[in-house]
C-alpha atoms as a PDB file:
ATOM      1  CA  MET A   1      18.891   9.526 -42.893  1.00  0.00           C
ATOM      2  CA  LEU A   2      18.183  11.086 -39.506  1.00  0.00           C
ATOM      3  CA  LYS A   3      16.672   7.973 -38.007  1.00  0.00           C
ATOM      4  CA  GLU A   4      19.729   6.396 -36.364  1.00  0.00           C
ATOM      5  CA  PRO A   5      21.164   9.628 -34.891  1.00  0.00           C
ATOM      6  CA  THR A   6      17.719  10.492 -33.523  1.00  0.00           C
ATOM      7  CA  LEU A   7      17.313   7.069 -31.937  1.00  0.00           C
ATOM      8  CA  GLU A   8      20.760   7.328 -30.367  1.00  0.00           C
ATOM      9  CA  ARG A   9      19.982  10.736 -28.909  1.00  0.00           C
ATOM     10  CA  LEU A  10      16.646   9.581 -27.522  1.00  0.00           C
ATOM     11  CA  ARG A  11      18.372   6.658 -25.833  1.00  0.00           C
ATOM     12  CA  ALA A  12      21.140   8.925 -24.536  1.00  0.00           C
ATOM     13  CA  LEU A  13      18.408  11.063 -22.982  1.00  0.00           C
ATOM     14  CA  ARG A  14      17.014   7.891 -21.369  1.00  0.00           C
ATOM     15  CA  LEU A  15      13.895   8.049 -23.505  1.00  0.00           C
ATOM     16  CA  GLY A  16      14.104   4.399 -24.481  1.00  0.00           C
ATOM     17  CA  ALA A  17      10.363   3.792 -24.693  1.00  0.00           C
ATOM     18  CA  MET A  18       9.900   6.863 -26.866  1.00  0.00           C
ATOM     19  CA  ALA A  19      12.728   5.689 -29.125  1.00  0.00           C
ATOM     20  CA  ALA A  20      11.171   2.241 -29.476  1.00  0.00           C
ATOM     21  CA  ALA A  21       7.747   3.754 -30.212  1.00  0.00           C
ATOM     22  CA  TRP A  22       9.189   6.117 -32.821  1.00  0.00           C
ATOM     23  CA  ASP A  23      11.076   3.246 -34.464  1.00  0.00           C
ATOM     24  CA  ASP A  24       7.839   1.241 -34.505  1.00  0.00           C
ATOM     25  CA  GLN A  25       5.988   4.131 -36.139  1.00  0.00           C
ATOM     26  CA  GLN A  26       8.356   3.981 -39.117  1.00  0.00           C
ATOM     27  CA  ARG A  27       7.169   0.434 -39.863  1.00  0.00           C
ATOM     28  CA  HIS A  28       3.456   1.260 -40.038  1.00  0.00           C
ATOM     29  CA  PRO A  29       2.328   3.248 -43.099  1.00  0.00           C
ATOM     30  CA  ASP A  30      -1.079   4.001 -41.556  1.00  0.00           C
ATOM     31  CA  ILE A  31       0.588   5.986 -38.767  1.00  0.00           C
ATOM     32  CA  GLN A  32       2.276   8.197 -41.365  1.00  0.00           C
ATOM     33  CA  ALA A  33      -1.168   9.571 -42.203  1.00  0.00           C
ATOM     34  CA  MET A  34      -1.572  10.932 -38.689  1.00  0.00           C
ATOM     35  CA  THR A  35      -0.769  14.542 -37.848  1.00  0.00           C
ATOM     36  CA  PHE A  36       2.491  15.472 -36.152  1.00  0.00           C
ATOM     37  CA  ASP A  37       0.630  16.277 -32.922  1.00  0.00           C
ATOM     38  CA  GLU A  38      -1.095  12.877 -32.938  1.00  0.00           C
ATOM     39  CA  ARG A  39       2.134  10.983 -33.545  1.00  0.00           C
ATOM     40  CA  PHE A  40       4.017  12.996 -30.948  1.00  0.00           C
ATOM     41  CA  ALA A  41       1.244  12.339 -28.410  1.00  0.00           C
ATOM     42  CA  LEU A  42       1.657   8.590 -28.985  1.00  0.00           C
ATOM     43  CA  LEU A  43       5.408   8.860 -28.399  1.00  0.00           C
ATOM     44  CA  VAL A  44       4.940  10.795 -25.163  1.00  0.00           C
ATOM     45  CA  GLU A  45       2.282   8.334 -24.021  1.00  0.00           C
ATOM     46  CA  ALA A  46       4.607   5.386 -24.663  1.00  0.00           C
ATOM     47  CA  GLU A  47       7.369   6.966 -22.577  1.00  0.00           C
ATOM     48  CA  TRP A  48       4.971   7.928 -19.784  1.00  0.00           C
ATOM     49  CA  VAL A  49       3.450   4.427 -19.585  1.00  0.00           C
ATOM     50  CA  ALA A  50       6.889   2.808 -19.491  1.00  0.00           C
ATOM     51  CA  ARG A  51       8.121   5.094 -16.722  1.00  0.00           C
ATOM     52  CA  GLU A  52       4.920   4.742 -14.727  1.00  0.00           C
ATOM     53  CA  THR A  53       5.109   0.949 -14.989  1.00  0.00           C
ATOM     54  CA  LYS A  54       8.690   1.018 -13.693  1.00  0.00           C
ATOM     55  CA  ARG A  55       7.788   3.406 -10.879  1.00  0.00           C
ATOM     56  CA  VAL A  56       4.868   1.299  -9.682  1.00  0.00           C
ATOM     57  CA  GLY A  57       6.935  -1.882  -9.933  1.00  0.00           C
ATOM     58  CA  ARG A  58       9.709  -0.328  -7.873  1.00  0.00           C
ATOM     59  CA  ALA A  59       7.238   0.970  -5.281  1.00  0.00           C
ATOM     60  CA  LEU A  60       5.634  -2.463  -4.948  1.00  0.00           C
ATOM     61  CA  ARG A  61       8.998  -4.178  -4.527  1.00  0.00           C
ATOM     62  CA  GLU A  62       9.895  -1.732  -1.769  1.00  0.00           C
ATOM     63  CA  ALA A  63       6.484  -2.220  -0.125  1.00  0.00           C
ATOM     64  CA  LYS A  64       7.083  -5.986   0.222  1.00  0.00           C
ATOM     65  CA  LEU A  65       3.374  -6.742   0.329  1.00  0.00           C
ATOM     66  CA  ARG A  66       2.505 -10.159   1.683  1.00  0.00           C
ATOM     67  CA  LEU A  67       0.053 -10.639  -1.198  1.00  0.00           C
ATOM     68  CA  SER A  68       1.760  -8.973  -4.134  1.00  0.00           C
ATOM     69  CA  GLN A  69      -1.127  -9.809  -6.469  1.00  0.00           C
ATOM     70  CA  ALA A  70      -3.711  -8.035  -4.292  1.00  0.00           C
ATOM     71  CA  CYS A  71      -5.398  -5.126  -6.050  1.00  0.00           C
ATOM     72  CA  ILE A  72      -8.412  -2.959  -5.391  1.00  0.00           C
ATOM     73  CA  GLU A  73     -10.215  -4.397  -8.449  1.00  0.00           C
ATOM     74  CA  GLY A  74      -9.989  -7.855  -6.886  1.00  0.00           C
ATOM     75  CA  VAL A  75     -11.744  -6.909  -3.656  1.00  0.00           C
ATOM     76  CA  GLU A  76     -15.127  -8.627  -3.541  1.00  0.00           C
ATOM     77  CA  CYS A  77     -17.918  -6.510  -2.078  1.00  0.00           C
ATOM     78  CA  ASN A  78     -21.140  -8.177  -1.006  1.00  0.00           C
ATOM     79  CA  THR A  79     -23.685  -8.274   1.787  1.00  0.00           C
ATOM     80  CA  ALA A  80     -22.275 -11.458   3.333  1.00  0.00           C
ATOM     81  CA  ARG A  81     -18.925  -9.783   3.896  1.00  0.00           C
ATOM     82  CA  GLN A  82     -20.585  -6.523   4.986  1.00  0.00           C
ATOM     83  CA  LEU A  83     -18.166  -4.730   2.685  1.00  0.00           C
ATOM     84  CA  ASP A  84     -19.793  -1.809   0.905  1.00  0.00           C
ATOM     85  CA  LYS A  85     -18.684  -1.154  -2.668  1.00  0.00           C
ATOM     86  CA  ALA A  86     -19.058   2.585  -2.098  1.00  0.00           C
ATOM     87  CA  VAL A  87     -16.596   2.426   0.800  1.00  0.00           C
ATOM     88  CA  VAL A  88     -14.036   0.565  -1.323  1.00  0.00           C
ATOM     89  CA  ARG A  89     -14.476   3.068  -4.170  1.00  0.00           C
ATOM     90  CA  GLN A  90     -13.891   5.918  -1.745  1.00  0.00           C
ATOM     91  CA  LEU A  91     -10.750   4.289  -0.340  1.00  0.00           C
ATOM     92  CA  ALA A  92      -9.531   3.636  -3.896  1.00  0.00           C
ATOM     93  CA  THR A  93      -9.215   7.398  -4.425  1.00  0.00           C
ATOM     94  CA  CYS A  94      -6.492   7.399  -1.715  1.00  0.00           C
ATOM     95  CA  ARG A  95      -7.859  10.580  -0.222  1.00  0.00           C
ATOM     96  CA  TRP A  96      -7.403   8.879   3.153  1.00  0.00           C
ATOM     97  CA  VAL A  97      -3.676   8.745   2.403  1.00  0.00           C
ATOM     98  CA  GLU A  98      -3.563  12.419   1.474  1.00  0.00           C
ATOM     99  CA  GLU A  99      -5.405  13.321   4.679  1.00  0.00           C
ATOM    100  CA  HIS A 100      -3.239  10.992   6.823  1.00  0.00           C
ATOM    101  CA  HIS A 101      -6.180   8.927   8.040  1.00  0.00           C
ATOM    102  CA  GLY A 102      -6.036   5.333   9.167  1.00  0.00           C
ATOM    103  CA  VAL A 103      -7.886   2.240   7.990  1.00  0.00           C
ATOM    104  CA  LEU A 104      -8.720  -0.353  10.645  1.00  0.00           C
ATOM    105  CA  ILE A 105      -9.696  -3.780   9.301  1.00  0.00           C
ATOM    106  CA  SER A 106     -11.061  -6.417  11.665  1.00  0.00           C
ATOM    107  CA  GLY A 107     -12.542  -9.849  11.169  1.00  0.00           C
ATOM    108  CA  ALA A 108     -12.119 -13.530  11.899  1.00  0.00           C
ATOM    109  CA  THR A 109      -9.329 -15.629  10.406  1.00  0.00           C
ATOM    110  CA  GLY A 110      -9.646 -16.055   6.659  1.00  0.00           C
ATOM    111  CA  THR A 111     -12.131 -13.234   6.006  1.00  0.00           C
ATOM    112  CA  GLY A 112      -9.721 -11.397   3.698  1.00  0.00           C
ATOM    113  CA  LYS A 113      -8.150  -8.803   5.989  1.00  0.00           C
ATOM    114  CA  THR A 114      -4.652  -9.216   4.591  1.00  0.00           C
ATOM    115  CA  TYR A 115      -5.856  -9.100   0.994  1.00  0.00           C
ATOM    116  CA  LEU A 116      -7.779  -5.888   1.576  1.00  0.00           C
ATOM    117  CA  ALA A 117      -4.877  -4.277   3.443  1.00  0.00           C
ATOM    118  CA  CYS A 118      -2.433  -5.195   0.663  1.00  0.00           C
ATOM    119  CA  ALA A 119      -4.899  -4.029  -2.007  1.00  0.00           C
ATOM    120  CA  LEU A 120      -5.111  -0.612  -0.342  1.00  0.00           C
ATOM    121  CA  ALA A 121      -1.312  -0.375  -0.179  1.00  0.00           C
ATOM    122  CA  HIS A 122      -1.081  -1.485  -3.826  1.00  0.00           C
ATOM    123  CA  GLN A 123      -3.517   1.251  -4.831  1.00  0.00           C
ATOM    124  CA  ALA A 124      -1.488   3.811  -2.886  1.00  0.00           C
ATOM    125  CA  CYS A 125       1.630   2.760  -4.806  1.00  0.00           C
ATOM    126  CA  ARG A 126      -0.235   3.237  -8.068  1.00  0.00           C
ATOM    127  CA  LYS A 127      -1.172   6.743  -6.978  1.00  0.00           C
ATOM    128  CA  GLY A 128       2.438   7.666  -6.333  1.00  0.00           C
ATOM    129  CA  PHE A 129       2.679   7.045  -2.580  1.00  0.00           C
ATOM    130  CA  ARG A 130       5.319   5.054  -0.713  1.00  0.00           C
ATOM    131  CA  ALA A 131       4.055   2.071   1.256  1.00  0.00           C
ATOM    132  CA  ALA A 132       5.388  -0.790   3.356  1.00  0.00           C
ATOM    133  CA  TYR A 133       3.864  -3.944   4.821  1.00  0.00           C
ATOM    134  CA  ARG A 134       4.800  -5.499   8.144  1.00  0.00           C
ATOM    135  CA  ARG A 135       3.204  -8.224  10.234  1.00  0.00           C
ATOM    136  CA  ALA A 136       3.057  -6.962  13.811  1.00  0.00           C
ATOM    137  CA  PRO A 137       5.363  -9.709  15.186  1.00  0.00           C
ATOM    138  CA  ARG A 138       7.964  -8.955  12.487  1.00  0.00           C
ATOM    139  CA  LEU A 139       7.649  -5.213  13.105  1.00  0.00           C
ATOM    140  CA  PHE A 140       8.377  -5.702  16.797  1.00  0.00           C
ATOM    141  CA  ASP A 141      11.314  -8.001  16.004  1.00  0.00           C
ATOM    142  CA  GLU A 142      12.707  -5.434  13.576  1.00  0.00           C
ATOM    143  CA  LEU A 143      12.494  -2.677  16.176  1.00  0.00           C
ATOM    144  CA  ARG A 144      13.989  -4.917  18.862  1.00  0.00           C
ATOM    145  CA  LEU A 145      16.986  -5.680  16.665  1.00  0.00           C
ATOM    146  CA  ALA A 146      17.291  -1.990  15.784  1.00  0.00           C
ATOM    147  CA  ARG A 147      17.488  -1.164  19.481  1.00  0.00           C
ATOM    148  CA  ALA A 148      20.229  -3.739  19.911  1.00  0.00           C
ATOM    149  CA  ASP A 149      22.446  -2.489  17.059  1.00  0.00           C
ATOM    150  CA  GLY A 150      21.893   1.214  17.695  1.00  0.00           C
ATOM    151  CA  SER A 151      19.788   1.893  14.587  1.00  0.00           C
ATOM    152  CA  PHE A 152      16.468   2.324  16.421  1.00  0.00           C
ATOM    153  CA  HIS A 153      16.047   6.018  15.590  1.00  0.00           C
ATOM    154  CA  ARG A 154      16.919   5.392  11.945  1.00  0.00           C
ATOM    155  CA  ALA A 155      14.302   2.637  11.836  1.00  0.00           C
ATOM    156  CA  LEU A 156      11.683   4.980  13.309  1.00  0.00           C
ATOM    157  CA  ALA A 157      12.606   7.665  10.782  1.00  0.00           C
ATOM    158  CA  ARG A 158      12.260   5.132   7.955  1.00  0.00           C
ATOM    159  CA  PHE A 159       8.737   4.205   9.057  1.00  0.00           C
ATOM    160  CA  ALA A 160       7.832   7.864   9.591  1.00  0.00           C
ATOM    161  CA  ARG A 161       8.716   8.724   5.983  1.00  0.00           C
ATOM    162  CA  LEU A 162       6.271   6.198   4.552  1.00  0.00           C
ATOM    163  CA  ASP A 163       2.988   7.498   3.184  1.00  0.00           C
ATOM    164  CA  VAL A 164       1.292   4.203   4.074  1.00  0.00           C
ATOM    165  CA  LEU A 165       2.324   1.646   6.687  1.00  0.00           C
ATOM    166  CA  VAL A 166       0.379  -1.623   6.855  1.00  0.00           C
ATOM    167  CA  ILE A 167       0.518  -3.435  10.200  1.00  0.00           C
ATOM    168  CA  ASP A 168      -1.031  -6.860   9.733  1.00  0.00           C
ATOM    169  CA  ASP A 169      -1.881  -9.514  12.348  1.00  0.00           C
ATOM    170  CA  PHE A 170      -2.028  -6.910  15.088  1.00  0.00           C
ATOM    171  CA  ALA A 171      -2.874  -8.354  18.534  1.00  0.00           C
ATOM    172  CA  ILE A 172      -2.216 -11.901  17.352  1.00  0.00           C
ATOM    173  CA  ALA A 173      -0.020 -12.541  20.415  1.00  0.00           C
ATOM    174  CA  PRO A 174       0.398 -11.007  23.873  1.00  0.00           C
ATOM    175  CA  ILE A 175       2.253  -7.702  23.791  1.00  0.00           C
ATOM    176  CA  THR A 176       5.218  -6.835  26.010  1.00  0.00           C
ATOM    177  CA  ASP A 177       6.032  -3.510  27.657  1.00  0.00           C
ATOM    178  CA  THR A 178       8.812  -2.843  25.140  1.00  0.00           C
ATOM    179  CA  GLU A 179       6.544  -3.652  22.189  1.00  0.00           C
ATOM    180  CA  ARG A 180       3.876  -1.294  23.531  1.00  0.00           C
ATOM    181  CA  ARG A 181       6.403   1.522  23.794  1.00  0.00           C
ATOM    182  CA  ASP A 182       7.831   0.805  20.346  1.00  0.00           C
ATOM    183  CA  LEU A 183       4.367   0.768  18.793  1.00  0.00           C
ATOM    184  CA  LEU A 184       3.606   4.106  20.390  1.00  0.00           C
ATOM    185  CA  GLU A 185       6.854   5.549  19.016  1.00  0.00           C
ATOM    186  CA  VAL A 186       5.988   4.407  15.484  1.00  0.00           C
ATOM    187  CA  LEU A 187       2.434   5.735  15.661  1.00  0.00           C
ATOM    188  CA  GLU A 188       3.485   8.992  17.313  1.00  0.00           C
ATOM    189  CA  ASP A 189       5.972   9.725  14.531  1.00  0.00           C
ATOM    190  CA  ARG A 190       3.340   8.961  11.884  1.00  0.00           C
ATOM    191  CA  HIS A 191       0.472  10.811  13.537  1.00  0.00           C
ATOM    192  CA  GLY A 192      -0.715  13.581  11.231  1.00  0.00           C
ATOM    193  CA  VAL A 193       1.981  12.911   8.625  1.00  0.00           C
ATOM    194  CA  GLY A 194       1.237   9.391   7.369  1.00  0.00           C
ATOM    195  CA  ALA A 195      -1.608   6.921   6.905  1.00  0.00           C
ATOM    196  CA  THR A 196      -1.612   3.603   8.760  1.00  0.00           C
ATOM    197  CA  VAL A 197      -3.579   0.450   7.930  1.00  0.00           C
ATOM    198  CA  ILE A 198      -4.014  -1.992  10.815  1.00  0.00           C
ATOM    199  CA  ALA A 199      -5.546  -5.444  10.339  1.00  0.00           C
ATOM    200  CA  SER A 200      -6.529  -7.526  13.340  1.00  0.00           C
ATOM    201  CA  GLN A 201      -8.798 -10.350  14.434  1.00  0.00           C
ATOM    202  CA  ILE A 202      -9.751  -8.190  17.411  1.00  0.00           C
ATOM    203  CA  ASP A 203     -12.313  -5.423  17.022  1.00  0.00           C
ATOM    204  CA  PRO A 204     -10.744  -1.975  17.611  1.00  0.00           C
ATOM    205  CA  LYS A 205     -13.096  -1.390  20.542  1.00  0.00           C
ATOM    206  CA  HIS A 206     -11.153  -4.104  22.416  1.00  0.00           C
ATOM    207  CA  TRP A 207      -7.675  -2.801  21.583  1.00  0.00           C
ATOM    208  CA  HIS A 208      -7.451  -0.786  24.781  1.00  0.00           C
ATOM    209  CA  ASP A 209      -7.998  -3.936  26.836  1.00  0.00           C
ATOM    210  CA  TYR A 210      -5.465  -5.846  24.748  1.00  0.00           C
ATOM    211  CA  LEU A 211      -2.796  -3.173  25.252  1.00  0.00           C
ATOM    212  CA  ALA A 212      -3.402  -3.497  29.014  1.00  0.00           C
ATOM    213  CA  ASP A 213      -1.288  -0.605  30.297  1.00  0.00           C
ATOM    214  CA  PRO A 214      -3.858   2.222  30.660  1.00  0.00           C
ATOM    215  CA  THR A 215      -1.538   5.155  29.982  1.00  0.00           C
ATOM    216  CA  THR A 216       0.154   3.696  26.907  1.00  0.00           C
ATOM    217  CA  ALA A 217      -3.132   2.225  25.667  1.00  0.00           C
ATOM    218  CA  ASP A 218      -4.785   5.652  25.874  1.00  0.00           C
ATOM    219  CA  ALA A 219      -1.962   7.201  23.863  1.00  0.00           C
ATOM    220  CA  ILE A 220      -1.968   4.489  21.180  1.00  0.00           C
ATOM    221  CA  CYS A 221      -5.742   4.375  20.794  1.00  0.00           C
ATOM    222  CA  ASP A 222      -5.905   8.167  20.636  1.00  0.00           C
ATOM    223  CA  ARG A 223      -3.589   8.109  17.620  1.00  0.00           C
ATOM    224  CA  VAL A 224      -5.237   5.292  15.675  1.00  0.00           C
ATOM    225  CA  LEU A 225      -8.939   5.234  16.516  1.00  0.00           C
ATOM    226  CA  HIS A 226      -9.764   8.829  15.691  1.00  0.00           C
ATOM    227  CA  ALA A 227     -10.113   9.862  12.035  1.00  0.00           C
ATOM    228  CA  ALA A 228      -9.918   6.217  10.958  1.00  0.00           C
ATOM    229  CA  HIS A 229     -12.038   4.259   8.491  1.00  0.00           C
ATOM    230  CA  ARG A 230     -13.277   1.071  10.142  1.00  0.00           C
ATOM    231  CA  ILE A 231     -14.062  -2.084   8.196  1.00  0.00           C
ATOM    232  CA  ALA A 232     -15.371  -5.191   9.952  1.00  0.00           C
ATOM    233  CA  LEU A 233     -15.288  -8.163   7.579  1.00  0.00           C
ATOM    234  CA  LYS A 234     -17.772 -10.972   8.083  1.00  0.00           C
ATOM    235  CA  GLY A 235     -18.561 -14.293   6.499  1.00  0.00           C
ATOM    236  CA  PRO A 236     -16.898 -17.743   6.427  1.00  0.00           C
ATOM    237  CA  SER A 237     -13.182 -18.253   6.021  1.00  0.00           C
ATOM    238  CA  ARG A 238     -12.093 -17.708   2.446  1.00  0.00           C
ATOM    239  CA  ARG A 239      -9.325 -20.258   2.914  1.00  0.00           C
ATOM    240  CA  LYS A 240     -11.764 -23.159   3.195  1.00  0.00           C
ATOM    241  CA  PRO A 241     -12.195 -25.315   0.060  1.00  0.00           C
ATOM    242  CA  GLU A 242     -15.931 -24.608  -0.054  1.00  0.00           C
ATOM    243  CA  ALA A 243     -15.423 -20.849   0.155  1.00  0.00           C
ATOM    244  CA  THR A 244     -15.124 -18.795  -3.010  1.00  0.00           C
ATOM    245  CA  THR A 245     -11.575 -18.184  -4.156  1.00  0.00           C
ATOM    246  CA  SER A 246     -12.102 -14.479  -4.933  1.00  0.00           C
ATOM    247  CA  THR A 247     -11.023 -11.966  -2.309  1.00  0.00           C
END
């Protein structure tokens, strides 16, 4: 008698998953034997899972990860890659995000840098953080266009608000004076308030030389090299047919 009005009110309250779970309970006699607390807990769990699934899905869409399927469970740790399982487990807690630390991933082409970077961002989204992925060339193009249309400061503010910013393919091409300055602006705004993941074929110890300009290079390296987790991936390219397909 009260079923339909109750379902309507649950849906009006935007508790659609709870309504569906409660409706489902009516069709299973074995559930009727459960206590009120047990049944109510199942209803709350159904609503929580549905909302959490939507939240994570929305966060991942906004992150625009290059490898949307990348996840921390899919990261392969072994001696050949010189990737310690304990390190990955520690990063999976996302304490580095909470403490606004960086993660610097280096390695040759095909060693899985992008996968690992996207997996870390994916895990951050699961934990309730906001993340975004950019290849360095695209990041510089985006900032260049923002300068041209007068939205540069809004673009910087948007990057500053992110909990995690992934910069992939860093140092893949020569850097210009404007790109150096823009990179410094992004990192300066995020310093101490956000976590940044940078993936590059070049070892971080050579970044100062790559950036060339001593003053700007000092400022950039000071903001990214300190309090950062460093991961140097080894092994053959994982894109080759003979290499394993896991990541």
